[in-house]
Protein backbone atom coordinates (compact mmCIF):
# COMPACT_ATOMS: atom_id res chain seq x y z
CA MET A 1 -39.25 152.94 78.05
CA PRO A 2 -42.56 154.63 77.21
CA TYR A 3 -42.46 158.25 76.15
CA GLU A 4 -44.39 159.22 79.29
CA ALA A 5 -41.43 158.23 81.46
CA TYR A 6 -39.61 161.33 80.23
CA PHE A 7 -42.07 163.42 82.26
CA HIS A 8 -41.12 162.11 85.70
CA ALA A 9 -38.21 163.21 87.87
CA ASP A 10 -36.47 160.47 89.84
CA ASN A 11 -37.02 160.98 93.59
CA PRO A 12 -36.66 164.77 93.63
CA PRO A 13 -35.71 166.40 96.95
CA ALA A 14 -38.70 167.44 99.03
CA GLU A 15 -38.01 171.13 98.46
CA LEU A 16 -38.24 170.59 94.69
CA HIS A 17 -41.42 168.54 94.71
CA ALA A 18 -43.72 171.43 93.79
CA LEU A 19 -41.35 172.55 91.04
CA THR A 20 -41.04 169.12 89.44
CA GLN A 21 -44.81 168.63 89.62
CA ALA A 22 -45.41 171.99 87.93
CA THR A 23 -42.83 171.15 85.25
CA GLU A 24 -44.54 167.83 84.50
CA GLU A 25 -47.93 169.50 84.21
CA TYR A 26 -46.45 172.11 81.86
CA ASP A 27 -44.90 169.38 79.71
CA ARG A 28 -48.20 167.49 79.48
CA LYS A 29 -50.07 170.60 78.37
CA SER A 30 -47.37 171.46 75.84
CA ASN A 31 -47.44 167.96 74.37
CA ALA A 32 -51.25 168.04 74.19
CA ASN A 33 -51.06 171.32 72.27
CA MET A 34 -49.27 169.51 69.44
CA PHE A 35 -52.57 167.70 68.78
CA GLY A 36 -54.93 170.57 69.34
CA GLY A 37 -55.60 169.31 72.87
CA ASP A 38 -56.82 165.89 71.67
CA VAL A 39 -56.60 163.67 74.77
CA ILE A 40 -56.73 160.39 72.82
CA LEU A 41 -53.79 161.37 70.63
CA LEU A 42 -51.84 162.54 73.68
CA GLN A 43 -52.40 159.20 75.44
CA ARG A 44 -51.25 157.37 72.32
CA LEU A 45 -48.04 159.38 72.33
CA LEU A 46 -47.47 158.84 76.05
CA ARG A 47 -47.71 155.07 75.56
CA THR A 48 -45.35 155.05 72.59
CA THR A 49 -42.22 152.95 73.14
CA THR A 50 -39.03 154.97 72.76
CA ALA A 51 -35.51 153.87 71.87
CA ALA A 52 -34.41 154.57 75.46
CA TYR A 53 -34.06 152.30 78.49
CA ARG A 54 -34.87 153.62 81.95
CA ASP A 55 -32.02 153.30 84.47
CA ALA A 56 -29.75 151.58 81.96
CA PRO A 57 -26.22 150.93 83.28
CA TYR A 58 -23.47 153.20 81.99
CA ALA A 59 -21.30 151.72 79.27
CA HIS A 60 -17.60 151.31 79.95
CA GLY A 61 -15.22 153.67 78.23
CA ALA A 62 -14.95 157.44 77.73
CA PHE A 63 -17.77 159.24 75.95
CA PRO A 64 -18.25 162.86 74.84
CA VAL A 65 -20.89 165.00 76.53
CA VAL A 66 -23.50 167.17 74.80
CA ILE A 67 -25.27 169.78 76.92
CA TYR A 68 -28.54 170.75 75.24
CA SER A 69 -30.55 173.95 75.80
CA MET A 70 -34.12 173.96 74.53
CA GLY A 71 -36.07 176.82 73.01
CA GLN A 72 -37.44 179.55 75.25
CA ASN A 73 -39.87 178.05 77.80
CA ASP A 74 -40.36 174.96 75.65
CA TYR A 75 -41.35 171.52 76.91
CA ASN A 76 -38.55 169.27 78.17
CA GLN A 77 -39.13 166.59 75.51
CA GLU A 78 -38.56 169.17 72.77
CA ASN A 79 -35.70 167.34 71.06
CA VAL A 80 -35.87 163.89 72.63
CA VAL A 81 -35.49 162.05 69.30
CA LEU A 82 -32.23 163.86 68.47
CA CYS A 83 -30.97 163.26 72.00
CA GLU A 84 -31.74 159.52 71.77
CA PHE A 85 -30.09 159.44 68.35
CA LEU A 86 -26.88 161.01 69.65
CA ALA A 87 -26.90 158.75 72.71
CA SER A 88 -27.16 155.71 70.45
CA HIS A 89 -23.93 156.86 68.80
CA GLY A 90 -21.98 157.14 72.04
CA PHE A 91 -22.77 160.63 73.33
CA ILE A 92 -23.87 161.44 76.87
CA VAL A 93 -26.67 163.97 76.39
CA VAL A 94 -27.71 166.26 79.26
CA THR A 95 -30.37 168.95 79.38
CA VAL A 96 -32.11 171.22 81.88
CA PRO A 97 -35.61 172.69 82.02
CA ASP A 98 -36.09 176.36 81.26
CA LEU A 99 -36.63 178.01 84.63
CA GLY A 100 -36.81 181.65 85.57
CA PRO A 101 -34.51 183.23 88.17
CA SER A 102 -37.07 183.21 91.01
CA SER A 103 -40.48 181.98 92.09
CA LEU A 104 -41.90 185.33 91.02
CA LYS A 105 -40.33 184.90 87.59
CA SER A 106 -40.85 181.17 87.13
CA LYS A 107 -40.60 181.44 83.34
CA MET A 108 -37.65 182.75 81.41
CA LEU A 109 -38.17 186.25 80.05
CA VAL A 110 -36.55 187.38 76.81
CA ASN A 111 -36.07 190.92 78.14
CA ASP A 112 -34.58 189.91 81.46
CA ALA A 113 -30.81 189.60 81.89
CA ALA A 114 -31.36 187.55 85.07
CA SER A 115 -33.21 184.89 83.04
CA PHE A 116 -30.23 184.52 80.73
CA GLU A 117 -27.90 184.28 83.71
CA ALA A 118 -30.10 181.66 85.40
CA GLN A 119 -30.03 179.48 82.29
CA GLU A 120 -26.26 179.75 81.97
CA ASP A 121 -25.86 178.80 85.63
CA ASP A 122 -28.17 175.79 85.17
CA LEU A 123 -26.28 174.64 82.08
CA GLU A 124 -22.95 174.92 83.88
CA PHE A 125 -24.38 172.97 86.82
CA ALA A 126 -25.57 170.25 84.42
CA VAL A 127 -22.10 170.03 82.88
CA ALA A 128 -20.61 169.63 86.36
CA GLN A 129 -23.08 166.86 87.15
CA ALA A 130 -22.29 165.10 83.86
CA MET A 131 -18.59 165.20 84.70
CA ARG A 132 -19.38 163.06 87.76
CA ILE A 133 -20.30 160.18 85.43
CA ALA A 134 -17.32 157.85 85.32
CA SER A 135 -17.60 157.34 81.56
CA ALA A 136 -17.89 161.06 80.72
CA ASP A 137 -14.91 162.45 78.81
CA SER A 138 -14.20 165.88 80.28
CA SER A 139 -12.06 166.79 77.27
CA GLU A 140 -14.92 166.38 74.80
CA ILE A 141 -17.89 168.63 75.56
CA ALA A 142 -20.35 170.17 73.09
CA ALA A 143 -23.09 172.74 73.62
CA ALA A 144 -26.23 172.66 71.47
CA GLY A 145 -29.54 174.47 71.43
CA HIS A 146 -32.70 175.19 69.47
CA SER A 147 -34.07 178.69 68.86
CA MET A 148 -33.20 180.83 71.91
CA GLY A 149 -31.38 177.78 73.23
CA ALA A 150 -28.76 178.34 70.53
CA ILE A 151 -27.93 181.67 72.16
CA TYR A 152 -27.53 179.99 75.54
CA ALA A 153 -25.30 177.32 73.99
CA LEU A 154 -23.12 180.00 72.39
CA LEU A 155 -22.84 181.94 75.64
CA LEU A 156 -21.95 178.77 77.51
CA ALA A 157 -19.09 178.12 75.08
CA MET A 158 -17.82 181.65 75.67
CA ARG A 159 -17.97 181.17 79.45
CA ASP A 160 -16.46 177.69 79.51
CA ASP A 161 -13.51 177.00 77.24
CA ARG A 162 -13.93 173.25 77.81
CA VAL A 163 -16.74 173.37 75.26
CA GLY A 164 -15.17 172.03 72.08
CA ALA A 165 -18.09 172.32 69.64
CA VAL A 166 -21.30 174.37 69.35
CA VAL A 167 -24.53 173.53 67.50
CA GLY A 168 -27.33 175.99 66.74
CA LEU A 169 -30.67 174.65 65.45
CA ASP A 170 -32.50 177.50 63.72
CA GLY A 171 -30.93 179.61 66.40
CA SER A 172 -32.09 183.04 67.49
CA SER A 173 -28.44 184.07 67.34
CA MET A 174 -29.00 184.29 63.56
CA THR A 175 -32.19 186.36 63.65
CA THR A 176 -32.95 190.02 64.09
CA ILE A 177 -34.51 190.06 67.54
CA PRO A 178 -36.95 192.77 68.69
CA ARG A 179 -35.67 195.81 70.54
CA TYR A 180 -37.24 194.82 73.84
CA TYR A 181 -35.22 191.57 74.01
CA PHE A 182 -32.22 191.51 76.28
CA LYS A 183 -29.23 192.18 74.04
CA PHE A 184 -27.19 189.10 74.89
CA GLN A 185 -24.15 190.71 73.26
CA GLU A 186 -24.09 193.03 76.29
CA ALA A 187 -23.51 190.17 78.72
CA PHE A 188 -20.15 190.76 80.37
CA TYR A 189 -18.86 187.37 79.25
CA PHE A 190 -19.95 187.80 75.61
CA ASP A 191 -16.63 187.86 73.81
CA PRO A 192 -16.47 186.55 70.22
CA THR A 193 -12.69 186.24 70.46
CA ARG A 194 -13.06 183.64 73.23
CA LEU A 195 -14.88 181.18 70.99
CA ARG A 196 -12.27 178.90 69.45
CA ALA A 197 -14.58 175.88 69.10
CA PRO A 198 -16.11 175.05 65.71
CA LEU A 199 -19.75 175.96 65.24
CA LEU A 200 -22.51 174.39 63.16
CA SER A 201 -25.55 176.56 62.48
CA LEU A 202 -28.51 174.93 60.71
CA TYR A 203 -31.31 177.29 59.76
CA ARG A 204 -34.38 177.62 57.54
CA ASN A 205 -33.89 178.39 53.87
CA ASP A 206 -37.11 180.32 53.35
CA ASP A 207 -35.87 183.76 52.35
CA ASN A 208 -36.54 184.95 55.87
CA PRO A 209 -35.53 188.63 55.97
CA ALA A 210 -34.91 188.37 59.72
CA VAL A 211 -31.86 186.14 59.18
CA THR A 212 -28.64 187.97 59.96
CA MET A 213 -25.00 186.90 60.07
CA SER A 214 -23.91 189.78 62.31
CA VAL A 215 -23.13 187.58 65.33
CA ILE A 216 -21.75 184.70 63.25
CA ASP A 217 -19.38 187.07 61.44
CA GLN A 218 -17.87 188.18 64.75
CA LEU A 219 -16.76 184.64 65.60
CA ARG A 220 -13.62 184.95 63.51
CA TYR A 221 -11.58 182.43 65.54
CA SER A 222 -14.21 179.72 65.14
CA ASP A 223 -14.55 177.37 62.17
CA ARG A 224 -18.18 178.09 61.21
CA TYR A 225 -20.37 175.78 59.16
CA LEU A 226 -23.65 177.28 57.96
CA MET A 227 -26.28 175.02 56.43
CA ALA A 228 -29.60 176.33 55.13
CA VAL A 229 -32.24 173.57 55.24
CA PRO A 230 -34.99 173.92 52.62
CA LYS A 231 -38.74 173.32 53.04
CA VAL A 232 -38.78 173.16 56.85
CA ILE A 233 -40.27 175.34 59.57
CA HIS A 234 -38.90 176.36 62.95
CA THR A 235 -40.34 173.38 64.87
CA ASP A 236 -38.87 170.90 62.39
CA PHE A 237 -35.53 171.51 64.09
CA ASN A 238 -36.90 169.71 67.15
CA SER A 239 -38.83 166.45 67.51
CA PHE A 240 -42.22 167.88 66.46
CA PRO A 241 -42.30 166.17 63.01
CA LEU A 242 -41.61 162.72 64.48
CA LEU A 243 -43.89 163.11 67.51
CA THR A 244 -46.75 164.00 65.17
CA VAL A 245 -45.90 161.79 62.20
CA ASN A 246 -49.13 159.75 62.31
CA VAL A 247 -51.43 162.55 63.46
CA PRO A 248 -54.34 163.48 61.14
CA ALA A 249 -53.76 166.74 59.30
CA SER A 250 -56.90 168.20 60.87
CA LYS A 251 -55.25 167.96 64.30
CA LEU A 252 -51.95 169.56 63.32
CA ASP A 253 -50.94 173.15 63.67
CA PRO A 254 -52.42 174.96 60.62
CA TYR A 255 -49.19 176.88 60.12
CA ALA A 256 -47.19 173.66 59.90
CA SER A 257 -49.65 172.03 57.47
CA LYS A 258 -49.69 175.13 55.28
CA HIS A 259 -45.92 175.32 54.84
CA ARG A 260 -44.92 171.66 54.31
CA ASP A 261 -46.31 168.14 54.43
CA GLN A 262 -45.44 165.61 57.12
CA GLN A 263 -43.12 163.55 54.92
CA THR A 264 -41.07 166.63 54.03
CA ALA A 265 -40.85 167.56 57.72
CA VAL A 266 -39.69 164.07 58.71
CA PHE A 267 -37.04 163.94 55.98
CA GLY A 268 -35.90 167.44 56.96
CA HIS A 269 -35.51 166.45 60.59
CA ILE A 270 -33.61 163.29 59.67
CA PHE A 271 -31.22 165.42 57.60
CA ILE A 272 -30.79 167.81 60.52
CA ALA A 273 -30.10 164.98 62.98
CA ASN A 274 -27.55 163.35 60.69
CA SER A 275 -25.84 166.70 60.09
CA VAL A 276 -25.50 167.27 63.84
CA LEU A 277 -24.07 163.78 64.32
CA ASP A 278 -21.61 164.21 61.44
CA PHE A 279 -20.48 167.56 62.82
CA LEU A 280 -19.96 166.29 66.36
CA GLU A 281 -18.15 163.17 65.20
CA GLY A 282 -16.02 165.16 62.78
CA THR A 283 -15.02 168.00 65.10
CA LEU A 284 -15.26 166.67 68.63
CA VAL A 285 -14.77 162.93 68.95
CA GLY A 286 -11.15 161.92 69.41
CA HIS A 287 -9.93 165.46 68.64
CA ARG A 288 -9.80 164.72 64.94
CA ASP A 289 -8.33 167.13 62.42
CA ARG A 290 -11.04 169.78 62.49
CA SER A 291 -10.02 171.28 59.17
CA THR A 292 -11.08 168.22 57.18
CA ALA A 293 -13.06 165.76 59.30
CA PHE A 294 -16.48 167.42 59.14
CA SER A 295 -16.13 168.26 55.46
CA ASP A 296 -15.37 164.61 54.74
CA ALA A 297 -18.30 163.46 56.89
CA ALA A 298 -20.72 165.88 55.24
CA ASN A 299 -19.79 164.53 51.82
CA SER A 300 -20.29 160.91 52.84
CA SER A 301 -23.63 159.10 52.72
CA ARG A 302 -25.24 157.55 55.76
């Protein structure tokens, strides 16, 4: 399947045609921004063959489900490489676009409680749809997210006790957010004591003073694994390093080029992807002994 096929919705209902078209246009612009708007580089990416197969038949058996929430108003292909990687190891990976609560608020707003609620409702709907897949294992569900998406994944796990593992990728739940943001801890279903699932939080190791453990420390009934990843930036926790691996430095985001080289970013993302896989296999799959499985996996070499 070419990368461009990720942009198209399959036969959307007529009432959603305008929405899906707008989402595709947004994704195209967002992908082009990775190359400074270079149309030639964008077309090269769109034609790139992925590791996925369009309309592939479902495998027989029972497979765990990962519901993924992207960063705030990010493009839908944000973490496609990680999702393909997990799928290749037997996970059913589901995601939803970031949509605001109404046509007047088509984008999600960080200071709007209704935006948070809309995302939680969409994630729960996606889980319900995934459970309709015959090979989906309803007893093995994980929630994952990047940046603000890590907050939505955490809230989903507090709302739905079927979620058996949580993954945060440089999550905003570990940063000091501005005052004008909606304080997600004030959501009526935010209850740290409800989270019994293990949590993996991968974050930048760059002496960022905004990093805080205040939310993590409240999750006292959850086995928490914190891993600081050195020499990476925020976008290295999604597919950005691999989507831009062969792009000339002059076309890359100056911030990214200033803080690390492409090889470092690629190796960092590979480490992140393997850590997520190890965590999910060690804590979720087959209900293994959660006290030792992930620790053993983290110490093994892949």
